[in-house]
Every structure is written in structure tokens, then in C-alpha cells.
Amino acid sequence: MGDHLAAVGLLLDVGSSIARFVEIFIVVYTLLLLAYIITSWIRLPYQPWLNRVQRFLYDVCDPYLRLFRRFIPPIGPIDLSPMVAIITLFVLRSVLVSLLERL
């Protein structure tokens, strides 16, 4: 009986740990998206380290944003795909966290 309770406790702990990881991962990715958006609006002076940071943000964020840019065309100079991508991340976070916490 004690082994059964320990196994159930371990599974509950694993589920909440995975839910917390997913939540933190999505928040960090959202912050990276916001940094990418801000650096795309302003022209930074050329510095090797700034160029590396911008390239990292491009490599990490652009594949995800391209998913939305396929379906949401820009309206003149305004690109709504980052906003839709961030909203999708928040919805995904709430769905995944609630599913994982139920386990």
C-alpha cells in the first residue's frame, strides 16, 4: 500500500513539474518574441555582439512566426502575425498546463 501511494505521489510531482516547465518555457519564448519584435522596429548600430543577438532572435523566433505569416498577410506596414503568435502561445500555455495538472 505504501509503495502505491509513493508511486501516485511521484506521478503527481512529475505532472506538476512538467506543467511548470511548459509554463516557464512559453513565458521565456514570449519574451524572446517581444525582444525580436522590438529589435525589428529599431535599427541598432552595427556591433558584432548586437549582430549575434539579433541573429539568435531571428533564428529562434522567425520559424514560429512564419507559420502565422503564411495565413495572415501584412496590412500595409503592419504585421499582425506576432500578436496572433503570442496570443496562441498564451492559449496553448493555459490548455497544456490545465491538462498536465489534471494528470
PDB file of N, CA and C in Angstrom:
ATOM      1  N   MET A   1       0.826  -1.198   0.000  1.00  0.00           N
ATOM      2  CA  MET A   1       0.000   0.000   0.000  1.00  0.00           C
ATOM      3  C   MET A   1       0.865   1.254   0.000  1.00  0.00           C
ATOM      4  N   GLY A   2       1.936   1.239   0.779  1.00  0.00           N
ATOM      5  CA  GLY A   2       2.825   2.394   0.843  1.00  0.00           C
ATOM      6  C   GLY A   2       3.532   2.647  -0.472  1.00  0.00           C
ATOM      7  N   ASP A   3       3.883   1.558  -1.169  1.00  0.00           N
ATOM      8  CA  ASP A   3       4.529   1.710  -2.477  1.00  0.00           C
ATOM      9  C   ASP A   3       3.581   2.329  -3.492  1.00  0.00           C
ATOM     10  N   HIS A   4       2.317   1.960  -3.420  1.00  0.00           N
ATOM     11  CA  HIS A   4       1.318   2.502  -4.335  1.00  0.00           C
ATOM     12  C   HIS A   4       1.145   4.001  -4.118  1.00  0.00           C
ATOM     13  N   LEU A   5       1.080   4.431  -2.863  1.00  0.00           N
ATOM     14  CA  LEU A   5       0.936   5.853  -2.566  1.00  0.00           C
ATOM     15  C   LEU A   5       2.175   6.636  -2.985  1.00  0.00           C
ATOM     16  N   ALA A   6       3.349   6.035  -2.814  1.00  0.00           N
ATOM     17  CA  ALA A   6       4.576   6.697  -3.233  1.00  0.00           C
ATOM     18  C   ALA A   6       4.611   6.871  -4.749  1.00  0.00           C
ATOM     19  N   ALA A   7       4.145   5.864  -5.492  1.00  0.00           N
ATOM     20  CA  ALA A   7       4.125   5.954  -6.951  1.00  0.00           C
ATOM     21  C   ALA A   7       3.141   7.027  -7.418  1.00  0.00           C
ATOM     22  N   VAL A   8       1.982   7.109  -6.774  1.00  0.00           N
ATOM     23  CA  VAL A   8       0.997   8.125  -7.124  1.00  0.00           C
ATOM     24  C   VAL A   8       1.547   9.513  -6.815  1.00  0.00           C
ATOM     25  N   GLY A   9       2.210   9.650  -5.688  1.00  0.00           N
ATOM     26  CA  GLY A   9       2.816  10.932  -5.328  1.00  0.00           C
ATOM     27  C   GLY A   9       3.891  11.335  -6.315  1.00  0.00           C
ATOM     28  N   LEU A  10       4.687  10.369  -6.767  1.00  0.00           N
ATOM     29  CA  LEU A  10       5.729  10.645  -7.749  1.00  0.00           C
ATOM     30  C   LEU A  10       5.126  11.083  -9.076  1.00  0.00           C
ATOM     31  N   LEU A  11       4.053  10.419  -9.513  1.00  0.00           N
ATOM     32  CA  LEU A  11       3.396  10.805 -10.758  1.00  0.00           C
ATOM     33  C   LEU A  11       2.797  12.206 -10.669  1.00  0.00           C
ATOM     34  N   LEU A  12       2.207  12.539  -9.542  1.00  0.00           N
ATOM     35  CA  LEU A  12       1.665  13.880  -9.361  1.00  0.00           C
ATOM     36  C   LEU A  12       2.762  14.923  -9.394  1.00  0.00           C
ATOM     37  N   ASP A  13       3.904  14.601  -8.800  1.00  0.00           N
ATOM     38  CA  ASP A  13       5.034  15.515  -8.802  1.00  0.00           C
ATOM     39  C   ASP A  13       5.592  15.696 -10.209  1.00  0.00           C
ATOM     40  N   VAL A  14       5.664  14.613 -10.971  1.00  0.00           N
ATOM     41  CA  VAL A  14       6.165  14.694 -12.340  1.00  0.00           C
ATOM     42  C   VAL A  14       5.218  15.536 -13.197  1.00  0.00           C
ATOM     43  N   GLY A  15       3.921  15.332 -13.045  1.00  0.00           N
ATOM     44  CA  GLY A  15       2.941  16.108 -13.811  1.00  0.00           C
ATOM     45  C   GLY A  15       3.025  17.593 -13.511  1.00  0.00           C
ATOM     46  N   SER A  16       3.155  17.951 -12.241  1.00  0.00           N
ATOM     47  CA  SER A  16       3.245  19.373 -11.902  1.00  0.00           C
ATOM     48  C   SER A  16       4.590  19.956 -12.338  1.00  0.00           C
ATOM     49  N   SER A  17       5.650  19.149 -12.316  1.00  0.00           N
ATOM     50  CA  SER A  17       6.954  19.629 -12.781  1.00  0.00           C
ATOM     51  C   SER A  17       6.936  19.884 -14.285  1.00  0.00           C
ATOM     52  N   ILE A  18       6.315  19.004 -15.039  1.00  0.00           N
ATOM     53  CA  ILE A  18       6.215  19.194 -16.484  1.00  0.00           C
ATOM     54  C   ILE A  18       5.341  20.407 -16.796  1.00  0.00           C
ATOM     55  N   ALA A  19       4.255  20.577 -16.054  1.00  0.00           N
ATOM     56  CA  ALA A  19       3.382  21.729 -16.258  1.00  0.00           C
ATOM     57  C   ALA A  19       4.130  23.027 -15.976  1.00  0.00           C
ATOM     58  N   ARG A  20       4.919  23.037 -14.927  1.00  0.00           N
ATOM     59  CA  ARG A  20       5.707  24.234 -14.587  1.00  0.00           C
ATOM     60  C   ARG A  20       6.759  24.511 -15.655  1.00  0.00           C
ATOM     61  N   PHE A  21       7.405  23.458 -16.185  1.00  0.00           N
ATOM     62  CA  PHE A  21       8.404  23.624 -17.244  1.00  0.00           C
ATOM     63  C   PHE A  21       7.766  24.212 -18.495  1.00  0.00           C
ATOM     64  N   VAL A  22       6.603  23.688 -18.882  1.00  0.00           N
ATOM     65  CA  VAL A  22       5.902  24.190 -20.071  1.00  0.00           C
ATOM     66  C   VAL A  22       5.541  25.654 -19.883  1.00  0.00           C
ATOM     67  N   GLU A  23       5.054  25.988 -18.697  1.00  0.00           N
ATOM     68  CA  GLU A  23       4.661  27.366 -18.407  1.00  0.00           C
ATOM     69  C   GLU A  23       5.859  28.305 -18.506  1.00  0.00           C
ATOM     70  N   ILE A  24       6.974  27.931 -17.902  1.00  0.00           N
ATOM     71  CA  ILE A  24       8.171  28.777 -17.934  1.00  0.00           C
ATOM     72  C   ILE A  24       8.733  28.865 -19.350  1.00  0.00           C
ATOM     73  N   PHE A  25       8.740  27.753 -20.083  1.00  0.00           N
ATOM     74  CA  PHE A  25       9.245  27.750 -21.452  1.00  0.00           C
ATOM     75  C   PHE A  25       8.449  28.713 -22.330  1.00  0.00           C
ATOM     76  N   ILE A  26       7.132  28.690 -22.205  1.00  0.00           N
ATOM     77  CA  ILE A  26       6.300  29.562 -23.032  1.00  0.00           C
ATOM     78  C   ILE A  26       6.482  31.019 -22.646  1.00  0.00           C
ATOM     79  N   VAL A  27       6.643  31.317 -21.373  1.00  0.00           N
ATOM     80  CA  VAL A  27       6.884  32.698 -20.950  1.00  0.00           C
ATOM     81  C   VAL A  27       8.225  33.194 -21.490  1.00  0.00           C
ATOM     82  N   VAL A  28       9.266  32.368 -21.411  1.00  0.00           N
ATOM     83  CA  VAL A  28      10.576  32.766 -21.932  1.00  0.00           C
ATOM     84  C   VAL A  28      10.514  32.957 -23.441  1.00  0.00           C
ATOM     85  N   TYR A  29       9.828  32.063 -24.145  1.00  0.00           N
ATOM     86  CA  TYR A  29       9.711  32.194 -25.599  1.00  0.00           C
ATOM     87  C   TYR A  29       8.926  33.453 -25.971  1.00  0.00           C
ATOM     88  N   THR A  30       7.918  33.798 -25.187  1.00  0.00           N
ATOM     89  CA  THR A  30       7.174  35.029 -25.424  1.00  0.00           C
ATOM     90  C   THR A  30       8.069  36.243 -25.241  1.00  0.00           C
ATOM     91  N   LEU A  31       8.923  36.219 -24.232  1.00  0.00           N
ATOM     92  CA  LEU A  31       9.869  37.325 -24.039  1.00  0.00           C
ATOM     93  C   LEU A  31      10.853  37.426 -25.202  1.00  0.00           C
ATOM     94  N   LEU A  32      11.292  36.281 -25.719  1.00  0.00           N
ATOM     95  CA  LEU A  32      12.168  36.291 -26.894  1.00  0.00           C
ATOM     96  C   LEU A  32      11.438  36.870 -28.108  1.00  0.00           C
ATOM     97  N   LEU A  33      10.166  36.528 -28.268  1.00  0.00           N
ATOM     98  CA  LEU A  33       9.383  37.099 -29.363  1.00  0.00           C
ATOM     99  C   LEU A  33       9.256  38.612 -29.230  1.00  0.00           C
ATOM    100  N   LEU A  34       9.014  39.085 -28.027  1.00  0.00           N
ATOM    101  CA  LEU A  34       8.913  40.532 -27.807  1.00  0.00           C
ATOM    102  C   LEU A  34      10.239  41.226 -28.094  1.00  0.00           C
ATOM    103  N   ALA A  35      11.347  40.618 -27.693  1.00  0.00           N
ATOM    104  CA  ALA A  35      12.663  41.190 -28.000  1.00  0.00           C
ATOM    105  C   ALA A  35      12.909  41.208 -29.503  1.00  0.00           C
ATOM    106  N   TYR A  36      12.482  40.160 -30.193  1.00  0.00           N
ATOM    107  CA  TYR A  36      12.624  40.107 -31.649  1.00  0.00           C
ATOM    108  C   TYR A  36      11.806  41.211 -32.316  1.00  0.00           C
ATOM    109  N   ILE A  37      10.599  41.415 -31.831  1.00  0.00           N
ATOM    110  CA  ILE A  37       9.733  42.444 -32.400  1.00  0.00           C
ATOM    111  C   ILE A  37      10.348  43.824 -32.191  1.00  0.00           C
ATOM    112  N   ILE A  38      10.831  44.092 -30.994  1.00  0.00           N
ATOM    113  CA  ILE A  38      11.415  45.401 -30.698  1.00  0.00           C
ATOM    114  C   ILE A  38      12.667  45.641 -31.528  1.00  0.00           C
ATOM    115  N   THR A  39      13.528  44.623 -31.649  1.00  0.00           N
ATOM    116  CA  THR A  39      14.748  44.819 -32.445  1.00  0.00           C
ATOM    117  C   THR A  39      14.451  44.909 -33.939  1.00  0.00           C
ATOM    118  N   SER A  40      13.297  44.428 -34.376  1.00  0.00           N
ATOM    119  CA  SER A  40      12.952  44.594 -35.790  1.00  0.00           C
ATOM    120  C   SER A  40      12.410  45.987 -36.073  1.00  0.00           C
ATOM    121  N   TRP A  41      11.920  46.673 -35.050  1.00  0.00           N
ATOM    122  CA  TRP A  41      11.405  48.026 -35.241  1.00  0.00           C
ATOM    123  C   TRP A  41      12.506  49.068 -35.303  1.00  0.00           C
ATOM    124  N   ILE A  42      13.556  48.869 -34.526  1.00  0.00           N
ATOM    125  CA  ILE A  42      14.604  49.891 -34.452  1.00  0.00           C
ATOM    126  C   ILE A  42      15.886  49.376 -35.089  1.00  0.00           C
ATOM    127  N   ARG A  43      16.618  50.281 -35.677  1.00  0.00           N
ATOM    128  CA  ARG A  43      17.909  49.949 -36.264  1.00  0.00           C
ATOM    129  C   ARG A  43      18.985  50.188 -35.215  1.00  0.00           C
ATOM    130  N   LEU A  44      19.647  49.130 -34.859  1.00  0.00           N
ATOM    131  CA  LEU A  44      20.727  49.230 -33.888  1.00  0.00           C
ATOM    132  C   LEU A  44      22.039  49.450 -34.626  1.00  0.00           C
ATOM    133  N   PRO A  45      22.979  50.158 -34.010  1.00  0.00           N
ATOM    134  CA  PRO A  45      24.278  50.340 -34.671  1.00  0.00           C
ATOM    135  C   PRO A  45      24.978  48.998 -34.821  1.00  0.00           C
ATOM    136  N   TYR A  46      25.811  48.913 -35.849  1.00  0.00           N
ATOM    137  CA  TYR A  46      26.483  47.637 -36.078  1.00  0.00           C
ATOM    138  C   TYR A  46      27.543  47.407 -35.009  1.00  0.00           C
ATOM    139  N   GLN A  47      27.340  46.371 -34.278  1.00  0.00           N
ATOM    140  CA  GLN A  47      28.310  45.858 -33.308  1.00  0.00           C
ATOM    141  C   GLN A  47      28.288  44.346 -33.479  1.00  0.00           C
ATOM    142  N   PRO A  48      29.438  43.689 -33.430  1.00  0.00           N
ATOM    143  CA  PRO A  48      29.422  42.230 -33.615  1.00  0.00           C
ATOM    144  C   PRO A  48      28.522  41.503 -32.623  1.00  0.00           C
ATOM    145  N   TRP A  49      28.531  41.906 -31.362  1.00  0.00           N
ATOM    146  CA  TRP A  49      27.723  41.203 -30.368  1.00  0.00           C
ATOM    147  C   TRP A  49      26.241  41.498 -30.557  1.00  0.00           C
ATOM    148  N   LEU A  50      25.889  42.745 -30.978  1.00  0.00           N
ATOM    149  CA  LEU A  50      24.491  43.049 -31.263  1.00  0.00           C
ATOM    150  C   LEU A  50      24.003  42.255 -32.469  1.00  0.00           C
ATOM    151  N   ASN A  51      24.860  42.110 -33.454  1.00  0.00           N
ATOM    152  CA  ASN A  51      24.508  41.329 -34.629  1.00  0.00           C
ATOM    153  C   ASN A  51      24.259  39.867 -34.248  1.00  0.00           C
ATOM    154  N   ARG A  52      25.064  39.325 -33.342  1.00  0.00           N
ATOM    155  CA  ARG A  52      24.861  37.951 -32.888  1.00  0.00           C
ATOM    156  C   ARG A  52      23.544  37.796 -32.136  1.00  0.00           C
ATOM    157  N   VAL A  53      23.207  38.780 -31.312  1.00  0.00           N
ATOM    158  CA  VAL A  53      21.944  38.734 -30.568  1.00  0.00           C
ATOM    159  C   VAL A  53      20.766  38.799 -31.532  1.00  0.00           C
ATOM    160  N   GLN A  54      20.824  39.706 -32.502  1.00  0.00           N
ATOM    161  CA  GLN A  54      19.742  39.802 -33.479  1.00  0.00           C
ATOM    162  C   GLN A  54      19.625  38.533 -34.310  1.00  0.00           C
ATOM    163  N   ARG A  55      20.750  37.951 -34.670  1.00  0.00           N
ATOM    164  CA  ARG A  55      20.727  36.711 -35.449  1.00  0.00           C
ATOM    165  C   ARG A  55      20.132  35.566 -34.629  1.00  0.00           C
ATOM    166  N   PHE A  56      20.484  35.502 -33.338  1.00  0.00           N
ATOM    167  CA  PHE A  56      19.909  34.482 -32.457  1.00  0.00           C
ATOM    168  C   PHE A  56      18.394  34.636 -32.367  1.00  0.00           C
ATOM    169  N   LEU A  57      17.937  35.878 -32.161  1.00  0.00           N
ATOM    170  CA  LEU A  57      16.496  36.119 -32.064  1.00  0.00           C
ATOM    171  C   LEU A  57      15.797  35.754 -33.370  1.00  0.00           C
ATOM    172  N   TYR A  58      16.426  36.071 -34.497  1.00  0.00           N
ATOM    173  CA  TYR A  58      15.858  35.716 -35.792  1.00  0.00           C
ATOM    174  C   TYR A  58      15.768  34.200 -35.945  1.00  0.00           C
ATOM    175  N   ASP A  59      16.852  33.498 -35.620  1.00  0.00           N
ATOM    176  CA  ASP A  59      16.876  32.040 -35.772  1.00  0.00           C
ATOM    177  C   ASP A  59      15.870  31.337 -34.864  1.00  0.00           C
ATOM    178  N   VAL A  60      15.622  31.900 -33.692  1.00  0.00           N
ATOM    179  CA  VAL A  60      14.717  31.272 -32.728  1.00  0.00           C
ATOM    180  C   VAL A  60      13.254  31.626 -33.002  1.00  0.00           C
ATOM    181  N   CYS A  61      12.991  32.872 -33.374  1.00  0.00           N
ATOM    182  CA  CYS A  61      11.608  33.345 -33.467  1.00  0.00           C
ATOM    183  C   CYS A  61      11.003  33.269 -34.867  1.00  0.00           C
ATOM    184  N   ASP A  62      11.811  33.451 -35.888  1.00  0.00           N
ATOM    185  CA  ASP A  62      11.248  33.547 -37.225  1.00  0.00           C
ATOM    186  C   ASP A  62      10.565  32.265 -37.716  1.00  0.00           C
ATOM    187  N   PRO A  63      11.082  31.065 -37.440  1.00  0.00           N
ATOM    188  CA  PRO A  63      10.336  29.877 -37.893  1.00  0.00           C
ATOM    189  C   PRO A  63       8.919  29.791 -37.315  1.00  0.00           C
ATOM    190  N   TYR A  64       8.756  30.161 -36.056  1.00  0.00           N
ATOM    191  CA  TYR A  64       7.428  30.145 -35.444  1.00  0.00           C
ATOM    192  C   TYR A  64       6.534  31.214 -36.064  1.00  0.00           C
ATOM    193  N   LEU A  65       7.090  32.404 -36.297  1.00  0.00           N
ATOM    194  CA  LEU A  65       6.289  33.477 -36.868  1.00  0.00           C
ATOM    195  C   LEU A  65       5.922  33.204 -38.323  1.00  0.00           C
ATOM    196  N   ARG A  66       6.773  32.481 -39.043  1.00  0.00           N
ATOM    197  CA  ARG A  66       6.467  32.141 -40.435  1.00  0.00           C
ATOM    198  C   ARG A  66       5.202  31.288 -40.556  1.00  0.00           C
ATOM    199  N   LEU A  67       4.922  30.479 -39.530  1.00  0.00           N
ATOM    200  CA  LEU A  67       3.675  29.699 -39.530  1.00  0.00           C
ATOM    201  C   LEU A  67       2.455  30.614 -39.643  1.00  0.00           C
ATOM    202  N   PHE A  68       2.495  31.723 -38.954  1.00  0.00           N
ATOM    203  CA  PHE A  68       1.363  32.652 -38.947  1.00  0.00           C
ATOM    204  C   PHE A  68       1.396  33.592 -40.140  1.00  0.00           C
ATOM    205  N   ARG A  69       2.583  33.931 -40.617  1.00  0.00           N
ATOM    206  CA  ARG A  69       2.681  34.825 -41.773  1.00  0.00           C
ATOM    207  C   ARG A  69       2.156  34.184 -43.041  1.00  0.00           C
ATOM    208  N   ARG A  70       2.111  32.860 -43.079  1.00  0.00           N
ATOM    209  CA  ARG A  70       1.524  32.173 -44.237  1.00  0.00           C
ATOM    210  C   ARG A  70       0.036  32.442 -44.357  1.00  0.00           C
ATOM    211  N   PHE A  71      -0.639  32.589 -43.225  1.00  0.00           N
ATOM    212  CA  PHE A  71      -2.089  32.733 -43.225  1.00  0.00           C
ATOM    213  C   PHE A  71      -2.556  34.167 -42.970  1.00  0.00           C
ATOM    214  N   ILE A  72      -1.718  34.990 -42.354  1.00  0.00           N
ATOM    215  CA  ILE A  72      -2.104  36.359 -42.023  1.00  0.00           C
ATOM    216  C   ILE A  72      -1.204  37.313 -42.807  1.00  0.00           C
ATOM    217  N   PRO A  73      -1.708  37.866 -43.898  1.00  0.00           N
ATOM    218  CA  PRO A  73      -0.869  38.790 -44.665  1.00  0.00           C
ATOM    219  C   PRO A  73      -0.735  40.127 -43.927  1.00  0.00           C
ATOM    220  N   PRO A  74       0.365  40.828 -44.148  1.00  0.00           N
ATOM    221  CA  PRO A  74       0.505  42.146 -43.515  1.00  0.00           C
ATOM    222  C   PRO A  74      -0.525  43.131 -44.070  1.00  0.00           C
ATOM    223  N   ILE A  75      -0.968  44.000 -43.205  1.00  0.00           N
ATOM    224  CA  ILE A  75      -1.917  45.045 -43.600  1.00  0.00           C
ATOM    225  C   ILE A  75      -1.103  46.323 -43.754  1.00  0.00           C
ATOM    226  N   GLY A  76      -0.664  46.571 -44.967  1.00  0.00           N
ATOM    227  CA  GLY A  76       0.230  47.707 -45.209  1.00  0.00           C
ATOM    228  C   GLY A  76       1.546  47.460 -44.494  1.00  0.00           C
ATOM    229  N   PRO A  77       1.988  48.411 -43.691  1.00  0.00           N
ATOM    230  CA  PRO A  77       3.246  48.204 -42.959  1.00  0.00           C
ATOM    231  C   PRO A  77       3.074  47.455 -41.633  1.00  0.00           C
ATOM    232  N   ILE A  78       1.841  47.079 -41.308  1.00  0.00           N
ATOM    233  CA  ILE A  78       1.567  46.444 -40.019  1.00  0.00           C
ATOM    234  C   ILE A  78       1.503  44.925 -40.186  1.00  0.00           C
ATOM    235  N   ASP A  79       2.317  44.236 -39.407  1.00  0.00           N
ATOM    236  CA  ASP A  79       2.339  42.776 -39.415  1.00  0.00           C
ATOM    237  C   ASP A  79       1.668  42.285 -38.134  1.00  0.00           C
ATOM    238  N   LEU A  80       0.515  41.655 -38.281  1.00  0.00           N
ATOM    239  CA  LEU A  80      -0.242  41.190 -37.120  1.00  0.00           C
ATOM    240  C   LEU A  80       0.148  39.791 -36.670  1.00  0.00           C
ATOM    241  N   SER A  81       1.003  39.123 -37.420  1.00  0.00           N
ATOM    242  CA  SER A  81       1.350  37.741 -37.072  1.00  0.00           C
ATOM    243  C   SER A  81       2.033  37.608 -35.703  1.00  0.00           C
ATOM    244  N   PRO A  82       2.902  38.535 -35.268  1.00  0.00           N
ATOM    245  CA  PRO A  82       3.461  38.378 -33.911  1.00  0.00           C
ATOM    246  C   PRO A  82       2.404  38.445 -32.813  1.00  0.00           C
ATOM    247  N   MET A  83       1.413  39.303 -32.998  1.00  0.00           N
ATOM    248  CA  MET A  83       0.370  39.406 -31.976  1.00  0.00           C
ATOM    249  C   MET A  83      -0.449  38.111 -31.918  1.00  0.00           C
ATOM    250  N   VAL A  84      -0.790  37.574 -33.072  1.00  0.00           N
ATOM    251  CA  VAL A  84      -1.540  36.317 -33.114  1.00  0.00           C
ATOM    252  C   VAL A  84      -0.691  35.177 -32.557  1.00  0.00           C
ATOM    253  N   ALA A  85       0.610  35.194 -32.845  1.00  0.00           N
ATOM    254  CA  ALA A  85       1.507  34.154 -32.344  1.00  0.00           C
ATOM    255  C   ALA A  85       1.602  34.191 -30.821  1.00  0.00           C
ATOM    256  N   ILE A  86       1.666  35.372 -30.244  1.00  0.00           N
ATOM    257  CA  ILE A  86       1.749  35.493 -28.780  1.00  0.00           C
ATOM    258  C   ILE A  86       0.430  35.081 -28.134  1.00  0.00           C
ATOM    259  N   ILE A  87      -0.687  35.476 -28.720  1.00  0.00           N
ATOM    260  CA  ILE A  87      -1.986  35.059 -28.189  1.00  0.00           C
ATOM    261  C   ILE A  87      -2.123  33.540 -28.257  1.00  0.00           C
ATOM    262  N   THR A  88      -1.660  32.949 -29.357  1.00  0.00           N
ATOM    263  CA  THR A  88      -1.695  31.495 -29.494  1.00  0.00           C
ATOM    264  C   THR A  88      -0.842  30.821 -28.426  1.00  0.00           C
ATOM    265  N   LEU A  89       0.312  31.397 -28.132  1.00  0.00           N
ATOM    266  CA  LEU A  89       1.165  30.835 -27.069  1.00  0.00           C
ATOM    267  C   LEU A  89       0.468  30.866 -25.716  1.00  0.00           C
ATOM    268  N   PHE A  90      -0.203  31.976 -25.399  1.00  0.00           N
ATOM    269  CA  PHE A  90      -0.890  32.058 -24.111  1.00  0.00           C
ATOM    270  C   PHE A  90      -2.052  31.069 -24.025  1.00  0.00           C
ATOM    271  N   VAL A  91      -2.785  30.888 -25.123  1.00  0.00           N
ATOM    272  CA  VAL A  91      -3.875  29.907 -25.128  1.00  0.00           C
ATOM    273  C   VAL A  91      -3.295  28.503 -24.984  1.00  0.00           C
ATOM    274  N   LEU A  92      -2.231  28.215 -25.724  1.00  0.00           N
ATOM    275  CA  LEU A  92      -1.578  26.918 -25.639  1.00  0.00           C
ATOM    276  C   LEU A  92      -1.054  26.649 -24.229  1.00  0.00           C
ATOM    277  N   ARG A  93      -0.489  27.672 -23.610  1.00  0.00           N
ATOM    278  CA  ARG A  93       0.012  27.522 -22.241  1.00  0.00           C
ATOM    279  C   ARG A  93      -1.106  27.158 -21.279  1.00  0.00           C
ATOM    280  N   SER A  94      -2.219  27.862 -21.366  1.00  0.00           N
ATOM    281  CA  SER A  94      -3.300  27.573 -20.422  1.00  0.00           C
ATOM    282  C   SER A  94      -3.896  26.180 -20.664  1.00  0.00           C
ATOM    283  N   VAL A  95      -4.011  25.774 -21.921  1.00  0.00           N
ATOM    284  CA  VAL A  95      -4.550  24.432 -22.214  1.00  0.00           C
ATOM    285  C   VAL A  95      -3.593  23.345 -21.736  1.00  0.00           C
ATOM    286  N   LEU A  96      -2.309  23.487 -22.071  1.00  0.00           N
ATOM    287  CA  LEU A  96      -1.341  22.450 -21.684  1.00  0.00           C
ATOM    288  C   LEU A  96      -1.167  22.354 -20.178  1.00  0.00           C
ATOM    289  N   VAL A  97      -1.094  23.495 -19.523  1.00  0.00           N
ATOM    290  CA  VAL A  97      -0.911  23.481 -18.061  1.00  0.00           C
ATOM    291  C   VAL A  97      -2.128  22.857 -17.376  1.00  0.00           C
ATOM    292  N   SER A  98      -3.325  23.191 -17.839  1.00  0.00           N
ATOM    293  CA  SER A  98      -4.508  22.603 -17.201  1.00  0.00           C
ATOM    294  C   SER A  98      -4.580  21.102 -17.469  1.00  0.00           C
ATOM    295  N   LEU A  99      -4.184  20.660 -18.670  1.00  0.00           N
ATOM    296  CA  LEU A  99      -4.169  19.217 -18.952  1.00  0.00           C
ATOM    297  C   LEU A  99      -3.119  18.490 -18.118  1.00  0.00           C
ATOM    298  N   LEU A 100      -1.936  19.088 -18.011  1.00  0.00           N
ATOM    299  CA  LEU A 100      -0.860  18.436 -17.270  1.00  0.00           C
ATOM    300  C   LEU A 100      -1.133  18.407 -15.771  1.00  0.00           C
ATOM    301  N   GLU A 101      -1.803  19.423 -15.252  1.00  0.00           N
ATOM    302  CA  GLU A 101      -2.102  19.435 -13.825  1.00  0.00           C
ATOM    303  C   GLU A 101      -3.203  18.441 -13.473  1.00  0.00           C
ATOM    304  N   ARG A 102      -4.012  18.067 -14.436  1.00  0.00           N
ATOM    305  CA  ARG A 102      -5.056  17.063 -14.181  1.00  0.00           C
ATOM    306  C   ARG A 102      -4.466  15.661 -14.086  1.00  0.00           C
ATOM    307  N   LEU A 103      -3.290  15.472 -14.680  1.00  0.00           N
ATOM    308  CA  LEU A 103      -2.659  14.142 -14.629  1.00  0.00           C
ATOM    309  C   LEU A 103      -2.236  13.931 -13.229  1.00  0.00           C
TER     310      LEU A 103
END
